[in-house]
Structures are given as C-alpha cells and as structure tokens.
Amino acid sequence: MLESILRVLTPILPYVPPIAALIATAAFILSCIALYTTASVARAQLYLELRNRFTEINNQLPRKPPGPKDYHDKTWHPKPDKDEDKEAFAKLERYWYHTFDEWLTTKVLPPWPFRRLWDVFFERAAFEGLKNVPIRYVLYRMIRDNRTSFSGHSKQFEQDLTALYKDCRRKDDPPTIFHGFDKPAVEATAEKL
C-alpha cells in the first residue's frame, strides 16, 4: 500500500518545491498589500484625530475679540506668572503640547507609516504656529524655564523646530526661533503690556 502511494506521488514530487515557492510568494504579496492598506487607514485615522484635537485647541487660543489679547500680536509676550496672562499662557502651552504630540507620533515614534503625515502636512502646520511671536515666546519659556521636558525629547523637539524655522522663515522674520527673547528689552515690553 505504501509502495502504491509512493508510485503515485513520485512523478509529482519535483513540482512540489516550485508550487510551494509560488504559494509563499503569493502569500507574501498579499500580506504586503494588507500591510500597506492597514498603514494607509491608520495614517488617515491618526491625521483625523490630530486635526480634531488641533481644532479644539485652536478654538481656545487667545484672540481679539473676544479676549483682550491676541496670539497674532507681535508685541505680546505672555507670562506664566502674570495674573492677566496665566489663562492665555496655559492655552498656548496646550498648543505646544499638541504640536509635540504631532511631531512625536508622526516623526519619532514609528516613523513608518506616519512620517508622510509630518512631511506632507504637520511640518508646515508647525511652521505656521512658529510665525506668531506669542506662540514662539511661550515655547521659549516652556523650554528655558524647564516647564516641561516634552517626555525627555525637549532638545530634539527644539532642534527640529529650529531647523524647520530656519528652512521656512521669510526674509522679514527674525533670524532664529527665539531671537531676542532672552534680552531685557523683551522682558520690559512684556511688563508694560
């Protein structure tokens, strides 16, 4: 009986490895397609979640009207310890914590498949925030006053934002991300306001 089975299988045996290789190749291709599809869905979901959270934070940023301060005001340097600025400073801090989350999740943690989100969208969005002096000043204070470590990534986050600012800034923008913020004149201007 065993001999009859071997006689039947013997002519087929040379074809088994190539057939197995074809099946393995097809399985690999299908798994790559599934991985790409899953990554695309995850990327879209992450983008939508981050944008939804940004919209919530953006709607709370200080604006004139209704508030007395506006995050577009180039002369305003909000102080975390000044009573009239505490609430606005906290809102601008939330902006930076959110920007950090965008940076960390799309550029640092799992660079693939989310890196494209940073390159295509979030990098430019971060620069748009850097164009506003009060927003930059709050970041400066967060880093210089050790208000946060950005989960141990403070230096890397600052370096990436500094490089981004340097690459994207316009001619009339300050030369560096924190230009002039450490000067007494800035402190005096902030005290007058």
N, C-alpha and C. Protein backbone atom coordinates (compact mmCIF):
# COMPACT_ATOMS: atom_id res chain seq x y z
N MET A 1 0.81 -1.18 0.00
CA MET A 1 0.00 0.00 0.00
C MET A 1 0.87 1.26 0.00
N LEU A 2 1.86 1.24 0.84
CA LEU A 2 2.78 2.37 0.88
C LEU A 2 3.50 2.53 -0.44
N GLU A 3 3.85 1.43 -1.04
CA GLU A 3 4.53 1.49 -2.33
C GLU A 3 3.63 2.10 -3.39
N SER A 4 2.37 1.77 -3.39
CA SER A 4 1.46 2.33 -4.39
C SER A 4 1.29 3.83 -4.21
N ILE A 5 1.29 4.30 -2.98
CA ILE A 5 1.19 5.75 -2.73
C ILE A 5 2.46 6.44 -3.21
N LEU A 6 3.60 5.85 -2.94
CA LEU A 6 4.86 6.43 -3.38
C LEU A 6 4.97 6.45 -4.90
N ARG A 7 4.45 5.41 -5.55
CA ARG A 7 4.47 5.39 -7.01
C ARG A 7 3.62 6.52 -7.59
N VAL A 8 2.51 6.81 -6.97
CA VAL A 8 1.62 7.88 -7.45
C VAL A 8 2.26 9.24 -7.20
N LEU A 9 2.90 9.44 -6.05
CA LEU A 9 3.47 10.73 -5.68
C LEU A 9 4.82 11.02 -6.33
N THR A 10 5.53 9.99 -6.70
CA THR A 10 6.87 10.17 -7.25
C THR A 10 6.89 11.11 -8.46
N PRO A 11 6.00 11.02 -9.41
CA PRO A 11 6.06 11.96 -10.54
C PRO A 11 5.72 13.40 -10.13
N ILE A 12 5.00 13.57 -9.05
CA ILE A 12 4.58 14.91 -8.63
C ILE A 12 5.64 15.60 -7.77
N LEU A 13 6.46 14.83 -7.09
CA LEU A 13 7.42 15.39 -6.13
C LEU A 13 8.33 16.49 -6.70
N PRO A 14 8.81 16.43 -7.91
CA PRO A 14 9.66 17.51 -8.41
C PRO A 14 8.94 18.86 -8.52
N TYR A 15 7.61 18.80 -8.59
CA TYR A 15 6.84 20.05 -8.74
C TYR A 15 6.44 20.68 -7.41
N VAL A 16 6.60 19.96 -6.33
CA VAL A 16 6.18 20.47 -5.02
C VAL A 16 6.97 21.72 -4.61
N PRO A 17 8.31 21.77 -4.67
CA PRO A 17 9.02 22.98 -4.25
C PRO A 17 8.65 24.22 -5.07
N PRO A 18 8.54 24.12 -6.41
CA PRO A 18 8.15 25.34 -7.14
C PRO A 18 6.73 25.79 -6.80
N ILE A 19 5.83 24.84 -6.61
CA ILE A 19 4.46 25.20 -6.24
C ILE A 19 4.45 25.85 -4.86
N ALA A 20 5.21 25.30 -3.92
CA ALA A 20 5.30 25.87 -2.58
C ALA A 20 5.89 27.29 -2.64
N ALA A 21 6.89 27.47 -3.50
CA ALA A 21 7.51 28.79 -3.65
C ALA A 21 6.50 29.79 -4.22
N LEU A 22 5.70 29.37 -5.20
CA LEU A 22 4.66 30.24 -5.76
C LEU A 22 3.62 30.62 -4.70
N ILE A 23 3.21 29.65 -3.93
CA ILE A 23 2.23 29.91 -2.87
C ILE A 23 2.82 30.87 -1.83
N ALA A 24 4.06 30.66 -1.46
CA ALA A 24 4.72 31.54 -0.49
C ALA A 24 4.86 32.95 -1.05
N THR A 25 5.20 33.07 -2.34
CA THR A 25 5.33 34.38 -2.98
C THR A 25 3.98 35.09 -3.01
N ALA A 26 2.94 34.37 -3.37
CA ALA A 26 1.59 34.96 -3.39
C ALA A 26 1.18 35.40 -1.99
N ALA A 27 1.47 34.61 -0.99
CA ALA A 27 1.13 34.97 0.39
C ALA A 27 1.91 36.22 0.83
N PHE A 28 3.17 36.31 0.44
CA PHE A 28 3.97 37.48 0.76
C PHE A 28 3.40 38.73 0.11
N ILE A 29 3.05 38.64 -1.17
CA ILE A 29 2.48 39.79 -1.89
C ILE A 29 1.16 40.23 -1.25
N LEU A 30 0.31 39.26 -0.92
CA LEU A 30 -0.96 39.60 -0.28
C LEU A 30 -0.75 40.23 1.10
N SER A 31 0.23 39.76 1.85
CA SER A 31 0.49 40.35 3.17
C SER A 31 1.04 41.77 3.02
N CYS A 32 1.84 42.02 1.99
CA CYS A 32 2.35 43.38 1.75
C CYS A 32 1.20 44.32 1.40
N ILE A 33 0.29 43.87 0.57
CA ILE A 33 -0.87 44.68 0.22
C ILE A 33 -1.71 44.97 1.46
N ALA A 34 -1.92 43.97 2.28
CA ALA A 34 -2.69 44.15 3.51
C ALA A 34 -1.99 45.12 4.45
N LEU A 35 -0.67 45.01 4.56
CA LEU A 35 0.09 45.91 5.42
C LEU A 35 -0.01 47.35 4.93
N TYR A 36 0.12 47.55 3.62
CA TYR A 36 0.03 48.89 3.04
C TYR A 36 -1.36 49.48 3.28
N THR A 37 -2.39 48.66 3.07
CA THR A 37 -3.76 49.13 3.28
C THR A 37 -3.99 49.49 4.75
N THR A 38 -3.53 48.65 5.64
CA THR A 38 -3.67 48.92 7.07
C THR A 38 -2.93 50.19 7.46
N ALA A 39 -1.73 50.37 6.92
CA ALA A 39 -0.95 51.57 7.21
C ALA A 39 -1.65 52.81 6.70
N SER A 40 -2.25 52.74 5.53
CA SER A 40 -2.97 53.88 4.97
C SER A 40 -4.17 54.25 5.82
N VAL A 41 -4.89 53.26 6.28
CA VAL A 41 -6.05 53.50 7.14
C VAL A 41 -5.59 54.09 8.48
N ALA A 42 -4.54 53.54 9.05
CA ALA A 42 -4.02 54.05 10.32
C ALA A 42 -3.53 55.49 10.17
N ARG A 43 -2.88 55.79 9.06
CA ARG A 43 -2.39 57.14 8.80
C ARG A 43 -3.55 58.13 8.71
N ALA A 44 -4.59 57.75 7.99
CA ALA A 44 -5.77 58.62 7.86
C ALA A 44 -6.45 58.82 9.21
N GLN A 45 -6.55 57.76 9.98
CA GLN A 45 -7.19 57.85 11.30
C GLN A 45 -6.38 58.75 12.23
N LEU A 46 -5.06 58.60 12.24
CA LEU A 46 -4.22 59.45 13.08
C LEU A 46 -4.34 60.91 12.66
N TYR A 47 -4.31 61.17 11.36
CA TYR A 47 -4.45 62.54 10.86
C TYR A 47 -5.75 63.16 11.36
N LEU A 48 -6.85 62.43 11.20
CA LEU A 48 -8.15 62.96 11.60
C LEU A 48 -8.22 63.22 13.11
N GLU A 49 -7.66 62.33 13.89
CA GLU A 49 -7.66 62.52 15.35
C GLU A 49 -6.83 63.74 15.75
N LEU A 50 -5.64 63.88 15.16
CA LEU A 50 -4.79 65.02 15.48
C LEU A 50 -5.43 66.33 15.02
N ARG A 51 -6.05 66.34 13.86
CA ARG A 51 -6.71 67.55 13.36
C ARG A 51 -7.91 67.92 14.22
N ASN A 52 -8.65 66.93 14.66
CA ASN A 52 -9.80 67.19 15.52
C ASN A 52 -9.34 67.83 16.84
N ARG A 53 -8.29 67.28 17.41
CA ARG A 53 -7.76 67.84 18.66
C ARG A 53 -7.19 69.23 18.44
N PHE A 54 -6.52 69.44 17.29
CA PHE A 54 -6.00 70.78 16.99
C PHE A 54 -7.14 71.79 16.89
N THR A 55 -8.23 71.42 16.24
CA THR A 55 -9.36 72.33 16.10
C THR A 55 -9.89 72.75 17.46
N GLU A 56 -9.98 71.81 18.39
CA GLU A 56 -10.43 72.14 19.74
C GLU A 56 -9.47 73.12 20.42
N ILE A 57 -8.18 72.88 20.28
CA ILE A 57 -7.18 73.75 20.91
C ILE A 57 -7.15 75.10 20.21
N ASN A 58 -7.20 75.11 18.90
CA ASN A 58 -7.15 76.35 18.13
C ASN A 58 -8.33 77.26 18.48
N ASN A 59 -9.50 76.68 18.69
CA ASN A 59 -10.67 77.48 19.05
C ASN A 59 -10.54 78.14 20.41
N GLN A 60 -9.62 77.68 21.23
CA GLN A 60 -9.42 78.25 22.57
C GLN A 60 -8.25 79.23 22.63
N LEU A 61 -7.48 79.35 21.55
CA LEU A 61 -6.33 80.26 21.57
C LEU A 61 -6.80 81.70 21.76
N PRO A 62 -6.00 82.52 22.46
CA PRO A 62 -6.40 83.91 22.71
C PRO A 62 -6.51 84.71 21.42
N ARG A 63 -7.67 85.34 21.24
CA ARG A 63 -7.93 86.16 20.06
C ARG A 63 -8.65 87.44 20.48
N LYS A 64 -8.44 88.48 19.69
CA LYS A 64 -9.17 89.72 19.89
C LYS A 64 -10.16 89.86 18.76
N PRO A 65 -11.42 90.14 18.93
CA PRO A 65 -12.21 89.81 20.11
C PRO A 65 -12.38 88.31 20.20
N PRO A 66 -12.83 87.73 21.21
CA PRO A 66 -13.49 88.30 22.38
C PRO A 66 -12.54 88.72 23.48
N GLY A 67 -11.32 88.20 23.50
CA GLY A 67 -10.41 88.49 24.62
C GLY A 67 -9.60 89.75 24.39
N PRO A 68 -8.89 90.19 25.44
CA PRO A 68 -8.06 91.40 25.32
C PRO A 68 -6.72 91.14 24.63
N LYS A 69 -6.32 89.88 24.55
CA LYS A 69 -5.02 89.54 23.95
C LYS A 69 -5.24 88.71 22.69
N ASP A 70 -4.26 88.76 21.80
CA ASP A 70 -4.36 88.03 20.54
C ASP A 70 -3.01 87.38 20.25
N TYR A 71 -3.03 86.11 19.91
CA TYR A 71 -1.77 85.41 19.68
C TYR A 71 -1.08 85.84 18.38
N HIS A 72 -1.70 86.74 17.62
CA HIS A 72 -1.04 87.30 16.43
C HIS A 72 -0.29 88.60 16.75
N ASP A 73 -0.46 89.13 17.96
CA ASP A 73 0.14 90.40 18.36
C ASP A 73 1.64 90.21 18.58
N LYS A 74 2.45 90.84 17.73
CA LYS A 74 3.91 90.66 17.79
C LYS A 74 4.54 91.26 19.04
N THR A 75 3.84 92.14 19.73
CA THR A 75 4.42 92.79 20.91
C THR A 75 4.04 92.09 22.21
N TRP A 76 3.17 91.11 22.15
CA TRP A 76 2.71 90.44 23.37
C TRP A 76 3.59 89.24 23.69
N HIS A 77 4.13 89.24 24.90
CA HIS A 77 4.93 88.12 25.40
C HIS A 77 4.27 87.61 26.68
N PRO A 78 3.36 86.65 26.56
CA PRO A 78 2.60 86.20 27.74
C PRO A 78 3.49 85.59 28.82
N LYS A 79 3.19 85.95 30.05
CA LYS A 79 3.97 85.47 31.21
C LYS A 79 3.15 84.43 31.97
N PRO A 80 3.77 83.32 32.34
CA PRO A 80 3.03 82.29 33.08
C PRO A 80 2.68 82.71 34.50
N ASP A 81 3.42 83.69 35.05
CA ASP A 81 3.18 84.10 36.43
C ASP A 81 2.43 85.43 36.55
N LYS A 82 2.04 85.99 35.43
CA LYS A 82 1.30 87.25 35.43
C LYS A 82 -0.19 86.94 35.39
N ASP A 83 -0.95 87.45 36.36
CA ASP A 83 -2.36 87.09 36.50
C ASP A 83 -3.16 87.23 35.20
N GLU A 84 -2.96 88.33 34.51
CA GLU A 84 -3.76 88.55 33.29
C GLU A 84 -3.34 87.66 32.12
N ASP A 85 -2.18 87.02 32.22
CA ASP A 85 -1.69 86.16 31.14
C ASP A 85 -1.78 84.67 31.45
N LYS A 86 -2.05 84.30 32.70
CA LYS A 86 -1.99 82.89 33.10
C LYS A 86 -2.89 82.00 32.23
N GLU A 87 -4.11 82.41 32.03
CA GLU A 87 -5.04 81.58 31.26
C GLU A 87 -4.59 81.47 29.79
N ALA A 88 -4.19 82.60 29.22
CA ALA A 88 -3.72 82.60 27.83
C ALA A 88 -2.45 81.78 27.68
N PHE A 89 -1.54 81.91 28.65
CA PHE A 89 -0.30 81.15 28.60
C PHE A 89 -0.60 79.65 28.62
N ALA A 90 -1.53 79.24 29.48
CA ALA A 90 -1.90 77.82 29.57
C ALA A 90 -2.49 77.32 28.25
N LYS A 91 -3.28 78.16 27.59
CA LYS A 91 -3.86 77.76 26.29
C LYS A 91 -2.78 77.62 25.23
N LEU A 92 -1.81 78.54 25.26
CA LEU A 92 -0.71 78.45 24.29
C LEU A 92 0.20 77.27 24.61
N GLU A 93 0.34 76.93 25.89
CA GLU A 93 1.10 75.73 26.26
C GLU A 93 0.42 74.48 25.69
N ARG A 94 -0.91 74.43 25.79
CA ARG A 94 -1.64 73.28 25.23
C ARG A 94 -1.38 73.16 23.74
N TYR A 95 -1.27 74.31 23.07
CA TYR A 95 -0.94 74.28 21.63
C TYR A 95 0.40 73.56 21.43
N TRP A 96 1.40 73.88 22.25
CA TRP A 96 2.72 73.26 22.08
C TRP A 96 2.73 71.79 22.48
N TYR A 97 1.95 71.43 23.49
CA TYR A 97 1.87 70.01 23.84
C TYR A 97 1.24 69.23 22.68
N HIS A 98 0.26 69.83 22.06
CA HIS A 98 -0.37 69.17 20.91
C HIS A 98 0.61 69.09 19.73
N THR A 99 1.33 70.16 19.46
CA THR A 99 2.32 70.16 18.37
C THR A 99 3.39 69.11 18.65
N PHE A 100 3.79 68.99 19.91
CA PHE A 100 4.74 67.94 20.29
C PHE A 100 4.16 66.56 19.98
N ASP A 101 2.90 66.35 20.32
CA ASP A 101 2.26 65.05 20.02
C ASP A 101 2.26 64.77 18.52
N GLU A 102 1.97 65.79 17.72
CA GLU A 102 2.01 65.62 16.26
C GLU A 102 3.42 65.22 15.82
N TRP A 103 4.40 65.93 16.33
CA TRP A 103 5.80 65.67 15.96
C TRP A 103 6.23 64.27 16.40
N LEU A 104 5.93 63.93 17.66
CA LEU A 104 6.37 62.64 18.20
C LEU A 104 5.71 61.47 17.47
N THR A 105 4.41 61.55 17.25
CA THR A 105 3.71 60.40 16.65
C THR A 105 3.96 60.27 15.15
N THR A 106 4.29 61.37 14.49
CA THR A 106 4.49 61.27 13.04
C THR A 106 5.94 61.25 12.61
N LYS A 107 6.83 61.64 13.51
CA LYS A 107 8.24 61.71 13.09
C LYS A 107 9.18 60.85 13.93
N VAL A 108 8.87 60.65 15.20
CA VAL A 108 9.83 60.00 16.09
C VAL A 108 9.46 58.56 16.42
N LEU A 109 8.27 58.33 16.95
CA LEU A 109 7.94 57.00 17.46
C LEU A 109 7.98 55.91 16.39
N PRO A 110 6.97 55.82 15.54
CA PRO A 110 7.06 54.86 14.44
C PRO A 110 7.19 55.64 13.13
N PRO A 111 8.37 55.91 12.69
CA PRO A 111 8.49 56.78 11.53
C PRO A 111 7.75 56.28 10.28
N TRP A 112 7.64 54.97 10.17
CA TRP A 112 6.83 54.45 9.07
C TRP A 112 5.60 53.86 9.69
N PRO A 113 4.43 54.10 9.25
CA PRO A 113 3.99 54.75 8.03
C PRO A 113 3.58 56.20 8.22
N PHE A 114 3.84 56.77 9.41
CA PHE A 114 3.30 58.08 9.71
C PHE A 114 4.20 59.24 9.31
N ARG A 115 5.43 58.97 8.93
CA ARG A 115 6.37 60.04 8.57
C ARG A 115 5.81 60.93 7.45
N ARG A 116 5.08 60.31 6.53
CA ARG A 116 4.49 61.10 5.43
C ARG A 116 3.56 62.19 5.96
N LEU A 117 2.87 61.93 7.06
CA LEU A 117 1.99 62.95 7.64
C LEU A 117 2.79 64.18 8.06
N TRP A 118 3.97 63.94 8.66
CA TRP A 118 4.81 65.06 9.06
C TRP A 118 5.30 65.81 7.82
N ASP A 119 5.82 65.08 6.86
CA ASP A 119 6.39 65.71 5.67
C ASP A 119 5.35 66.46 4.84
N VAL A 120 4.17 65.89 4.71
CA VAL A 120 3.14 66.47 3.84
C VAL A 120 2.33 67.56 4.54
N PHE A 121 2.08 67.42 5.84
CA PHE A 121 1.17 68.36 6.47
C PHE A 121 1.68 68.98 7.77
N PHE A 122 1.99 68.17 8.75
CA PHE A 122 2.23 68.69 10.10
C PHE A 122 3.48 69.56 10.20
N GLU A 123 4.47 69.31 9.38
CA GLU A 123 5.68 70.15 9.39
C GLU A 123 5.31 71.59 9.05
N ARG A 124 4.52 71.76 8.00
CA ARG A 124 4.10 73.10 7.59
C ARG A 124 3.17 73.73 8.62
N ALA A 125 2.30 72.90 9.21
CA ALA A 125 1.39 73.41 10.24
C ALA A 125 2.18 73.93 11.45
N ALA A 126 3.23 73.21 11.83
CA ALA A 126 4.07 73.65 12.95
C ALA A 126 4.74 74.99 12.61
N PHE A 127 5.19 75.14 11.39
CA PHE A 127 5.81 76.40 11.00
C PHE A 127 4.81 77.55 11.06
N GLU A 128 3.57 77.30 10.68
CA GLU A 128 2.55 78.35 10.74
C GLU A 128 2.41 78.86 12.17
N GLY A 129 2.49 77.96 13.15
CA GLY A 129 2.46 78.39 14.54
C GLY A 129 3.70 79.18 14.92
N LEU A 130 4.85 78.78 14.39
CA LEU A 130 6.10 79.46 14.71
C LEU A 130 6.15 80.89 14.16
N LYS A 131 5.29 81.21 13.23
CA LYS A 131 5.28 82.57 12.67
C LYS A 131 4.72 83.58 13.67
N ASN A 132 4.05 83.11 14.72
CA ASN A 132 3.42 84.01 15.70
C ASN A 132 4.32 84.18 16.92
N VAL A 133 4.68 85.43 17.19
CA VAL A 133 5.62 85.73 18.28
C VAL A 133 5.13 85.21 19.64
N PRO A 134 3.89 85.48 20.06
CA PRO A 134 3.47 84.97 21.38
C PRO A 134 3.56 83.44 21.49
N ILE A 135 3.24 82.75 20.41
CA ILE A 135 3.32 81.29 20.43
C ILE A 135 4.78 80.84 20.58
N ARG A 136 5.67 81.48 19.83
CA ARG A 136 7.10 81.15 19.95
C ARG A 136 7.61 81.50 21.35
N TYR A 137 7.15 82.62 21.88
CA TYR A 137 7.62 83.04 23.20
C TYR A 137 7.20 82.03 24.27
N VAL A 138 6.00 81.51 24.17
CA VAL A 138 5.55 80.50 25.14
C VAL A 138 6.43 79.26 25.04
N LEU A 139 6.75 78.83 23.82
CA LEU A 139 7.66 77.69 23.66
C LEU A 139 9.01 77.99 24.30
N TYR A 140 9.51 79.19 24.06
CA TYR A 140 10.78 79.62 24.65
C TYR A 140 10.73 79.49 26.17
N ARG A 141 9.65 79.99 26.77
CA ARG A 141 9.52 79.93 28.23
C ARG A 141 9.36 78.49 28.72
N MET A 142 8.63 77.69 27.99
CA MET A 142 8.45 76.29 28.38
C MET A 142 9.80 75.57 28.44
N ILE A 143 10.64 75.83 27.44
CA ILE A 143 11.93 75.15 27.37
C ILE A 143 12.93 75.77 28.34
N ARG A 144 13.07 77.10 28.32
CA ARG A 144 14.07 77.76 29.14
C ARG A 144 13.77 77.70 30.63
N ASP A 145 12.48 77.72 30.98
CA ASP A 145 12.10 77.66 32.40
C ASP A 145 11.93 76.23 32.88
N ASN A 146 12.26 75.27 32.03
CA ASN A 146 12.09 73.84 32.36
C ASN A 146 10.67 73.52 32.84
N ARG A 147 9.70 74.11 32.15
CA ARG A 147 8.30 73.85 32.49
C ARG A 147 7.87 72.47 32.01
N THR A 148 8.63 71.91 31.09
CA THR A 148 8.34 70.57 30.57
C THR A 148 9.62 69.97 30.01
N SER A 149 9.65 68.66 29.95
CA SER A 149 10.78 68.00 29.29
C SER A 149 10.33 67.43 27.95
N PHE A 150 9.05 67.65 27.61
CA PHE A 150 8.48 67.03 26.43
C PHE A 150 8.84 65.54 26.39
N SER A 151 8.54 64.88 27.48
CA SER A 151 8.77 63.43 27.62
C SER A 151 10.21 63.03 27.33
N GLY A 152 11.14 63.88 27.72
CA GLY A 152 12.56 63.59 27.52
C GLY A 152 13.05 63.92 26.11
N HIS A 153 12.21 64.54 25.30
CA HIS A 153 12.58 64.87 23.92
C HIS A 153 12.71 66.37 23.70
N SER A 154 12.86 67.13 24.76
CA SER A 154 12.87 68.59 24.66
C SER A 154 13.93 69.11 23.70
N LYS A 155 15.15 68.62 23.85
CA LYS A 155 16.25 69.10 22.99
C LYS A 155 16.01 68.74 21.52
N GLN A 156 15.60 67.50 21.28
CA GLN A 156 15.36 67.07 19.91
C GLN A 156 14.19 67.84 19.29
N PHE A 157 13.14 68.07 20.07
CA PHE A 157 11.98 68.83 19.60
C PHE A 157 12.41 70.26 19.26
N GLU A 158 13.16 70.88 20.15
CA GLU A 158 13.64 72.24 19.91
C GLU A 158 14.54 72.28 18.67
N GLN A 159 15.44 71.32 18.53
CA GLN A 159 16.33 71.30 17.36
C GLN A 159 15.55 71.14 16.07
N ASP A 160 14.57 70.25 16.06
CA ASP A 160 13.78 70.07 14.84
C ASP A 160 12.97 71.31 14.50
N LEU A 161 12.38 71.95 15.52
CA LEU A 161 11.62 73.18 15.26
C LEU A 161 12.54 74.32 14.82
N THR A 162 13.73 74.38 15.40
CA THR A 162 14.69 75.41 14.99
C THR A 162 15.10 75.21 13.54
N ALA A 163 15.37 73.97 13.15
CA ALA A 163 15.73 73.67 11.76
C ALA A 163 14.55 73.98 10.82
N LEU A 164 13.36 73.63 11.24
CA LEU A 164 12.16 73.92 10.44
C LEU A 164 12.01 75.42 10.25
N TYR A 165 12.15 76.18 11.33
CA TYR A 165 12.03 77.63 11.26
C TYR A 165 13.09 78.22 10.32
N LYS A 166 14.30 77.72 10.45
CA LYS A 166 15.40 78.23 9.61
C LYS A 166 15.12 77.95 8.13
N ASP A 167 14.58 76.76 7.83
CA ASP A 167 14.31 76.39 6.44
C ASP A 167 13.13 77.14 5.83
N CYS A 168 12.14 77.50 6.65
CA CYS A 168 10.90 78.05 6.11
C CYS A 168 10.70 79.54 6.34
N ARG A 169 11.52 80.15 7.17
CA ARG A 169 11.26 81.55 7.51
C ARG A 169 11.38 82.47 6.30
N ARG A 170 10.65 83.59 6.40
CA ARG A 170 10.69 84.60 5.34
C ARG A 170 11.77 85.62 5.66
N LYS A 171 12.08 86.47 4.70
CA LYS A 171 13.14 87.46 4.89
C LYS A 171 12.88 88.38 6.07
N ASP A 172 11.63 88.77 6.30
CA ASP A 172 11.34 89.72 7.37
C ASP A 172 11.12 89.05 8.73
N ASP A 173 11.21 87.71 8.79
CA ASP A 173 11.10 87.00 10.07
C ASP A 173 12.41 87.11 10.84
N PRO A 174 12.35 87.03 12.17
CA PRO A 174 13.59 87.01 12.96
C PRO A 174 14.51 85.87 12.50
N PRO A 175 15.82 86.03 12.65
CA PRO A 175 16.75 85.03 12.12
C PRO A 175 16.73 83.68 12.83
N THR A 176 16.33 83.66 14.10
CA THR A 176 16.27 82.40 14.83
C THR A 176 14.94 82.27 15.54
N ILE A 177 14.64 81.06 15.94
CA ILE A 177 13.34 80.77 16.54
C ILE A 177 13.07 81.57 17.82
N PHE A 178 14.11 81.78 18.64
CA PHE A 178 13.94 82.50 19.90
C PHE A 178 14.69 83.83 19.88
N HIS A 179 14.87 84.41 18.71
CA HIS A 179 15.63 85.64 18.55
C HIS A 179 15.10 86.75 19.47
N GLY A 180 15.99 87.25 20.31
CA GLY A 180 15.69 88.39 21.15
C GLY A 180 14.88 88.10 22.40
N PHE A 181 14.40 86.88 22.58
CA PHE A 181 13.55 86.59 23.74
C PHE A 181 14.31 86.63 25.06
N ASP A 182 15.63 86.46 25.00
CA ASP A 182 16.41 86.45 26.24
C ASP A 182 16.95 87.83 26.58
N LYS A 183 16.57 88.83 25.82
CA LYS A 183 17.07 90.18 26.05
C LYS A 183 16.16 90.93 27.03
N PRO A 184 16.73 91.82 27.83
CA PRO A 184 15.93 92.59 28.79
C PRO A 184 14.82 93.42 28.14
N ALA A 185 15.03 93.87 26.90
CA ALA A 185 14.02 94.67 26.22
C ALA A 185 12.72 93.91 26.05
N VAL A 186 12.82 92.63 25.80
CA VAL A 186 11.62 91.81 25.65
C VAL A 186 10.89 91.74 26.98
N GLU A 187 11.63 91.54 28.06
CA GLU A 187 11.02 91.49 29.38
C GLU A 187 10.36 92.81 29.71
N ALA A 188 11.02 93.93 29.38
CA ALA A 188 10.45 95.24 29.66
C ALA A 188 9.19 95.47 28.86
N THR A 189 9.18 95.08 27.58
CA THR A 189 8.00 95.22 26.74
C THR A 189 6.85 94.39 27.30
N ALA A 190 7.15 93.19 27.73
CA ALA A 190 6.11 92.32 28.28
C ALA A 190 5.56 92.90 29.57
N GLU A 191 6.40 93.55 30.39
CA GLU A 191 5.93 94.15 31.64
C GLU A 191 5.01 95.33 31.37
N LYS A 192 5.29 96.13 30.33
CA LYS A 192 4.45 97.28 30.00
C LYS A 192 3.06 96.86 29.58
N LEU A 193 2.96 95.70 28.94
CA LEU A 193 1.67 95.24 28.45
C LEU A 193 0.91 94.70 29.58
